[in-house]
């Protein structure tokens, strides 16, 4: 039995809670994420002899990213607040405009909305090279311990192209024909076929984990039945969810269990 652990974005900006005053908290902290990753670390330590490979996706953004406030400005010179929503109509009416390429940003919003999605502004997070973009230390310690047994962990960087969000592991929300890193990562999808079981964990359940799962359903449905969703190793951003995706995965044969219920 060949086992893969696929961890989506287990980074400080999502997982670090900070102290009682909020000091040191990750820029886009997901409540409960630190406990998720600690539980995943314990599970990995207990099962390190039975995990053949680990793939870790890493969100990496420029400050001037389409999902960050500094990318946008209104007529008063103000930037949008985090967690606000910008629609294509807002740009067409001049309520918001891109500080950079407004035509390209508007095209992105139209293509996003054609998918039935909306564009949310997030606090600047996982900036390229920052401490916030690093793997949460308790989990990283367990990964290093696993690697010391003679393994190599694989990292997949996503989100570096500033004109599109890139929630899922396998492609950006909107694909650009001239930007390969936004396009469907068929090599990564094909890699999933090499394993008998795929254990899925990471942050956030409502965004990057859920979108990655949806992309597997859409582009590699034959491996969905191999997936075990580690339900206590992921949490939602409050107010968001992707329950339809998880229900669909279970209907297609995926399993959903807690880490202490997994039998390897």
Protein backbone atom coordinates (compact mmCIF):
# COMPACT_ATOMS: atom_id res chain seq x y z
CA UNK A 1 0.00 0.00 0.00
CA UNK A 2 1.62 3.24 -1.19
CA UNK A 3 0.52 6.30 0.80
CA UNK A 4 0.72 10.00 -0.08
CA UNK A 5 0.19 12.89 2.34
CA UNK A 6 -1.00 15.99 0.45
CA UNK A 7 -0.82 19.09 2.66
CA UNK A 8 -2.33 22.32 1.36
CA UNK A 9 -0.77 25.63 2.50
CA UNK A 10 0.29 24.78 6.09
CA UNK A 11 1.87 28.22 6.51
CA UNK A 12 2.37 30.63 9.38
CA UNK A 13 0.04 33.29 8.00
CA UNK A 14 -2.82 30.77 8.16
CA UNK A 15 -1.76 28.74 11.20
CA UNK A 16 -0.08 31.02 13.75
CA UNK A 17 -2.54 32.20 16.44
CA UNK A 18 -0.40 34.82 18.19
CA UNK A 19 -0.63 35.68 21.87
CA UNK A 20 -3.62 36.87 23.91
CA UNK A 21 -3.25 40.39 22.46
CA UNK A 22 -3.03 39.10 18.90
CA UNK A 23 0.67 39.87 18.64
CA UNK A 24 2.45 37.54 16.23
CA UNK A 25 -0.80 36.27 14.70
CA UNK A 26 -0.68 35.14 11.10
CA UNK A 27 -1.91 37.72 8.60
CA UNK A 28 -4.84 35.50 7.55
CA UNK A 29 -5.09 33.27 10.61
CA UNK A 30 -7.71 30.53 10.35
CA UNK A 31 -9.16 29.84 13.82
CA UNK A 32 -8.21 26.34 14.89
CA UNK A 33 -5.48 25.92 12.28
CA UNK A 34 -2.67 25.64 14.81
CA UNK A 35 -4.41 22.72 16.48
CA UNK A 36 -5.09 21.14 13.08
CA UNK A 37 -1.41 21.21 12.20
CA UNK A 38 -0.30 19.96 15.60
CA UNK A 39 -2.66 17.00 15.28
CA UNK A 40 -1.38 16.35 11.78
CA UNK A 41 2.19 16.49 13.09
CA UNK A 42 1.42 13.89 15.75
CA UNK A 43 -0.29 11.66 13.18
CA UNK A 44 2.69 11.96 10.82
CA UNK A 45 5.14 11.11 13.61
CA UNK A 46 3.09 8.04 14.51
CA UNK A 47 2.85 6.87 10.90
CA UNK A 48 6.11 8.08 9.37
CA UNK A 49 7.17 4.56 8.37
CA UNK A 50 3.95 4.14 6.35
CA UNK A 51 3.96 7.41 4.39
CA UNK A 52 5.91 7.04 1.14
CA UNK A 53 5.71 10.65 -0.03
CA UNK A 54 4.63 14.12 1.11
CA UNK A 55 3.54 16.95 -1.21
CA UNK A 56 3.16 20.41 0.33
CA UNK A 57 1.61 23.34 -1.52
CA UNK A 58 2.79 26.81 -0.56
CA UNK A 59 0.84 30.01 -1.16
CA UNK A 60 3.27 32.75 -2.29
CA UNK A 61 2.15 36.27 -3.20
CA UNK A 62 3.53 39.64 -4.13
CA UNK A 63 2.37 42.56 -2.00
CA UNK A 64 0.75 44.03 -5.11
CA UNK A 65 -1.52 41.04 -5.71
CA UNK A 66 -5.04 41.29 -7.13
CA UNK A 67 -6.39 39.89 -3.84
CA UNK A 68 -4.57 42.46 -1.65
CA UNK A 69 -5.76 45.99 -0.79
CA UNK A 70 -2.77 47.83 -2.30
CA UNK A 71 -3.70 46.56 -5.76
CA UNK A 72 -6.91 48.63 -5.74
CA UNK A 73 -7.83 52.27 -5.12
CA UNK A 74 -10.97 54.42 -5.25
CA UNK A 75 -11.41 58.03 -6.35
CA UNK A 76 -10.47 59.22 -2.85
CA UNK A 77 -7.18 57.34 -2.99
CA UNK A 78 -8.37 54.76 -0.46
CA UNK A 79 -7.68 51.04 -0.60
CA UNK A 80 -10.43 48.47 0.04
CA UNK A 81 -10.75 46.87 3.45
CA UNK A 82 -9.84 43.20 3.86
CA UNK A 83 -12.79 40.83 3.38
CA UNK A 84 -14.61 43.32 1.17
CA UNK A 85 -15.76 42.20 -2.30
CA UNK A 86 -15.02 43.86 -5.64
CA UNK A 87 -17.28 43.14 -8.62
CA UNK A 88 -16.59 43.78 -12.29
CA UNK A 89 -19.43 46.31 -12.22
CA UNK A 90 -17.61 48.25 -9.48
CA UNK A 91 -14.62 48.69 -11.79
CA UNK A 92 -16.79 49.56 -14.80
CA UNK A 93 -18.50 52.28 -12.72
CA UNK A 94 -15.19 53.64 -11.47
CA UNK A 95 -15.84 52.76 -7.84
CA UNK A 96 -12.59 50.79 -7.81
CA UNK A 97 -9.70 50.66 -10.22
CA UNK A 98 -6.45 48.77 -10.33
CA UNK A 99 -3.33 50.76 -9.52
CA UNK A 100 -1.62 48.66 -12.21
CA UNK A 101 -3.36 47.24 -15.31
CA UNK A 102 -7.05 48.06 -14.92
CA UNK A 103 -8.07 46.36 -18.18
CA UNK A 104 -6.43 43.08 -17.18
CA UNK A 105 -7.92 43.27 -13.69
CA UNK A 106 -11.39 43.86 -15.14
CA UNK A 107 -10.97 40.89 -17.48
CA UNK A 108 -10.07 38.74 -14.48
CA UNK A 109 -13.20 39.81 -12.60
CA UNK A 110 -15.42 39.05 -15.59
CA UNK A 111 -13.91 35.58 -16.03
CA UNK A 112 -14.21 34.88 -12.32
CA UNK A 113 -17.86 35.92 -12.25
CA UNK A 114 -18.58 33.75 -15.30
CA UNK A 115 -17.65 30.84 -13.02
CA UNK A 116 -20.19 32.02 -10.44
CA UNK A 117 -17.45 33.28 -8.11
CA UNK A 118 -16.80 36.63 -6.45
CA UNK A 119 -13.52 38.40 -5.73
CA UNK A 120 -12.68 38.83 -2.04
CA UNK A 121 -9.94 41.14 -0.79
CA UNK A 122 -7.65 39.50 1.78
CA UNK A 123 -5.08 40.97 4.15
CA UNK A 124 -1.63 40.80 2.53
CA UNK A 125 -0.48 37.27 3.32
CA UNK A 126 2.20 34.70 2.47
CA UNK A 127 4.39 37.40 0.92
CA UNK A 128 7.21 35.84 -1.05
CA UNK A 129 10.22 35.25 1.22
CA UNK A 130 8.40 36.27 4.39
CA UNK A 131 8.17 34.45 7.71
CA UNK A 132 4.43 34.25 7.14
CA UNK A 133 5.00 32.13 4.03
CA UNK A 134 7.02 29.52 5.94
CA UNK A 135 5.61 26.15 7.03
CA UNK A 136 4.15 26.20 10.55
CA UNK A 137 6.98 25.02 12.76
CA UNK A 138 5.36 22.16 14.72
CA UNK A 139 4.33 20.52 11.46
CA UNK A 140 7.63 21.30 9.77
CA UNK A 141 9.49 19.58 12.60
CA UNK A 142 7.45 16.41 11.95
CA UNK A 143 8.09 16.65 8.21
CA UNK A 144 11.84 16.97 8.80
CA UNK A 145 11.72 13.99 11.14
CA UNK A 146 9.96 12.00 8.41
CA UNK A 147 12.50 13.14 5.81
CA UNK A 148 15.36 12.01 8.06
CA UNK A 149 14.17 8.44 7.48
CA UNK A 150 15.46 8.74 3.91
CA UNK A 151 12.66 10.64 2.15
CA UNK A 152 12.32 13.84 0.14
CA UNK A 153 9.28 16.06 0.60
CA UNK A 154 7.99 17.91 -2.45
CA UNK A 155 6.86 21.54 -2.47
CA UNK A 156 4.53 23.15 -5.00
CA UNK A 157 4.52 26.96 -5.06
CA UNK A 158 1.34 28.70 -6.22
CA UNK A 159 0.01 32.25 -6.33
CA UNK A 160 3.02 34.14 -7.66
CA UNK A 161 1.24 35.62 -10.68
CA UNK A 162 -0.39 38.80 -9.32
CA UNK A 163 -3.35 39.02 -11.72
CA UNK A 164 -5.17 35.90 -10.55
CA UNK A 165 -6.02 34.12 -7.31
CA UNK A 166 -4.60 30.60 -7.02
CA UNK A 167 -6.52 28.72 -4.34
CA UNK A 168 -6.27 25.21 -5.75
CA UNK A 169 -3.09 23.15 -5.95
CA UNK A 170 -3.56 22.37 -9.63
CA UNK A 171 -4.45 25.62 -11.40
CA UNK A 172 -5.30 29.28 -10.81
CA UNK A 173 -8.85 30.60 -10.51
CA UNK A 174 -8.43 32.23 -13.92
CA UNK A 175 -5.92 30.78 -16.36
CA UNK A 176 -3.72 33.01 -18.55
CA UNK A 177 -2.57 31.43 -21.80
CA UNK A 178 0.82 33.13 -21.66
CA UNK A 179 1.51 32.38 -17.96
CA UNK A 180 2.36 28.69 -17.45
CA UNK A 181 2.19 28.81 -13.64
CA UNK A 182 -1.53 29.64 -13.82
CA UNK A 183 -2.35 26.68 -16.06
CA UNK A 184 -3.49 23.19 -15.14
CA UNK A 185 -0.63 21.25 -13.55
CA UNK A 186 -1.20 17.94 -15.30
CA UNK A 187 2.10 16.53 -14.07
CA UNK A 188 1.01 16.98 -10.45
CA UNK A 189 -2.41 15.51 -11.16
CA UNK A 190 -0.85 12.50 -12.88
CA UNK A 191 1.44 12.00 -9.90
CA UNK A 192 -1.60 11.22 -7.74
CA UNK A 193 -2.18 8.05 -9.74
CA UNK A 194 1.04 6.55 -8.37
CA UNK A 195 -0.46 6.13 -4.90
CA UNK A 196 -3.01 3.76 -3.38
CA UNK A 197 -4.15 6.21 -0.70
CA UNK A 198 -4.03 10.02 -0.63
CA UNK A 199 -4.41 11.70 2.77
CA UNK A 200 -5.62 15.30 2.38
CA UNK A 201 -5.01 18.01 5.00
CA UNK A 202 -4.21 21.73 5.22
CA UNK A 203 -5.69 25.21 5.33
CA UNK A 204 -8.19 26.48 4.74
CA UNK A 205 -10.87 23.82 4.33
CA UNK A 206 -13.19 26.47 2.88
CA UNK A 207 -10.76 27.73 0.28
CA UNK A 208 -7.49 26.16 -0.83
CA UNK A 209 -8.17 22.62 0.42
CA UNK A 210 -11.71 22.62 -0.93
CA UNK A 211 -10.66 24.09 -4.28
CA UNK A 212 -7.84 21.54 -4.60
CA UNK A 213 -10.33 18.76 -3.93
CA UNK A 214 -12.74 20.20 -6.52
CA UNK A 215 -9.95 20.29 -9.10
CA UNK A 216 -9.20 16.61 -8.47
CA UNK A 217 -12.90 15.84 -8.90
CA UNK A 218 -12.99 17.84 -12.16
CA UNK A 219 -9.70 16.77 -13.74
CA UNK A 220 -8.71 13.42 -12.17
CA UNK A 221 -11.98 11.85 -10.93
CA UNK A 222 -10.53 8.35 -11.05
CA UNK A 223 -8.37 9.05 -7.98
CA UNK A 224 -11.12 10.57 -5.79
CA UNK A 225 -11.90 7.18 -4.26
CA UNK A 226 -8.28 7.00 -3.04
CA UNK A 227 -8.65 10.18 -0.97
CA UNK A 228 -9.00 10.21 2.81
CA UNK A 229 -9.96 13.67 4.09
CA UNK A 230 -8.39 14.25 7.50
CA UNK A 231 -11.25 16.29 8.91
CA UNK A 232 -9.48 17.40 12.10
CA UNK A 233 -6.44 18.59 10.11
CA UNK A 234 -8.24 21.51 8.40
CA UNK A 235 -10.54 24.39 9.39
CA UNK A 236 -12.78 26.89 7.60
CA UNK A 237 -12.29 30.62 7.29
CA UNK A 238 -15.23 31.86 9.41
CA UNK A 239 -18.23 32.64 7.25
CA UNK A 240 -17.07 30.55 4.30
CA UNK A 241 -17.55 26.89 3.37
CA UNK A 242 -17.42 24.49 0.40
CA UNK A 243 -19.64 21.71 1.71
CA UNK A 244 -20.97 20.73 -1.73
CA UNK A 245 -17.45 19.79 -2.82
CA UNK A 246 -16.88 17.55 0.19
CA UNK A 247 -20.26 15.88 -0.25
CA UNK A 248 -19.47 15.22 -3.91
CA UNK A 249 -16.10 13.69 -3.00
CA UNK A 250 -17.75 11.36 -0.47
CA UNK A 251 -20.35 10.35 -3.06
CA UNK A 252 -17.47 9.45 -5.40
CA UNK A 253 -15.86 7.17 -2.82
CA UNK A 254 -13.59 9.43 -0.79
CA UNK A 255 -13.46 8.87 2.98
CA UNK A 256 -13.56 11.45 5.77
CA UNK A 257 -12.10 10.58 9.17
CA UNK A 258 -10.26 12.08 12.10
CA UNK A 259 -6.54 11.51 12.39
CA UNK A 260 -6.93 9.15 15.35
CA UNK A 261 -9.36 7.00 13.33
CA UNK A 262 -7.01 6.31 10.42
CA UNK A 263 -5.81 2.75 10.01
CA UNK A 264 -2.56 2.33 8.08
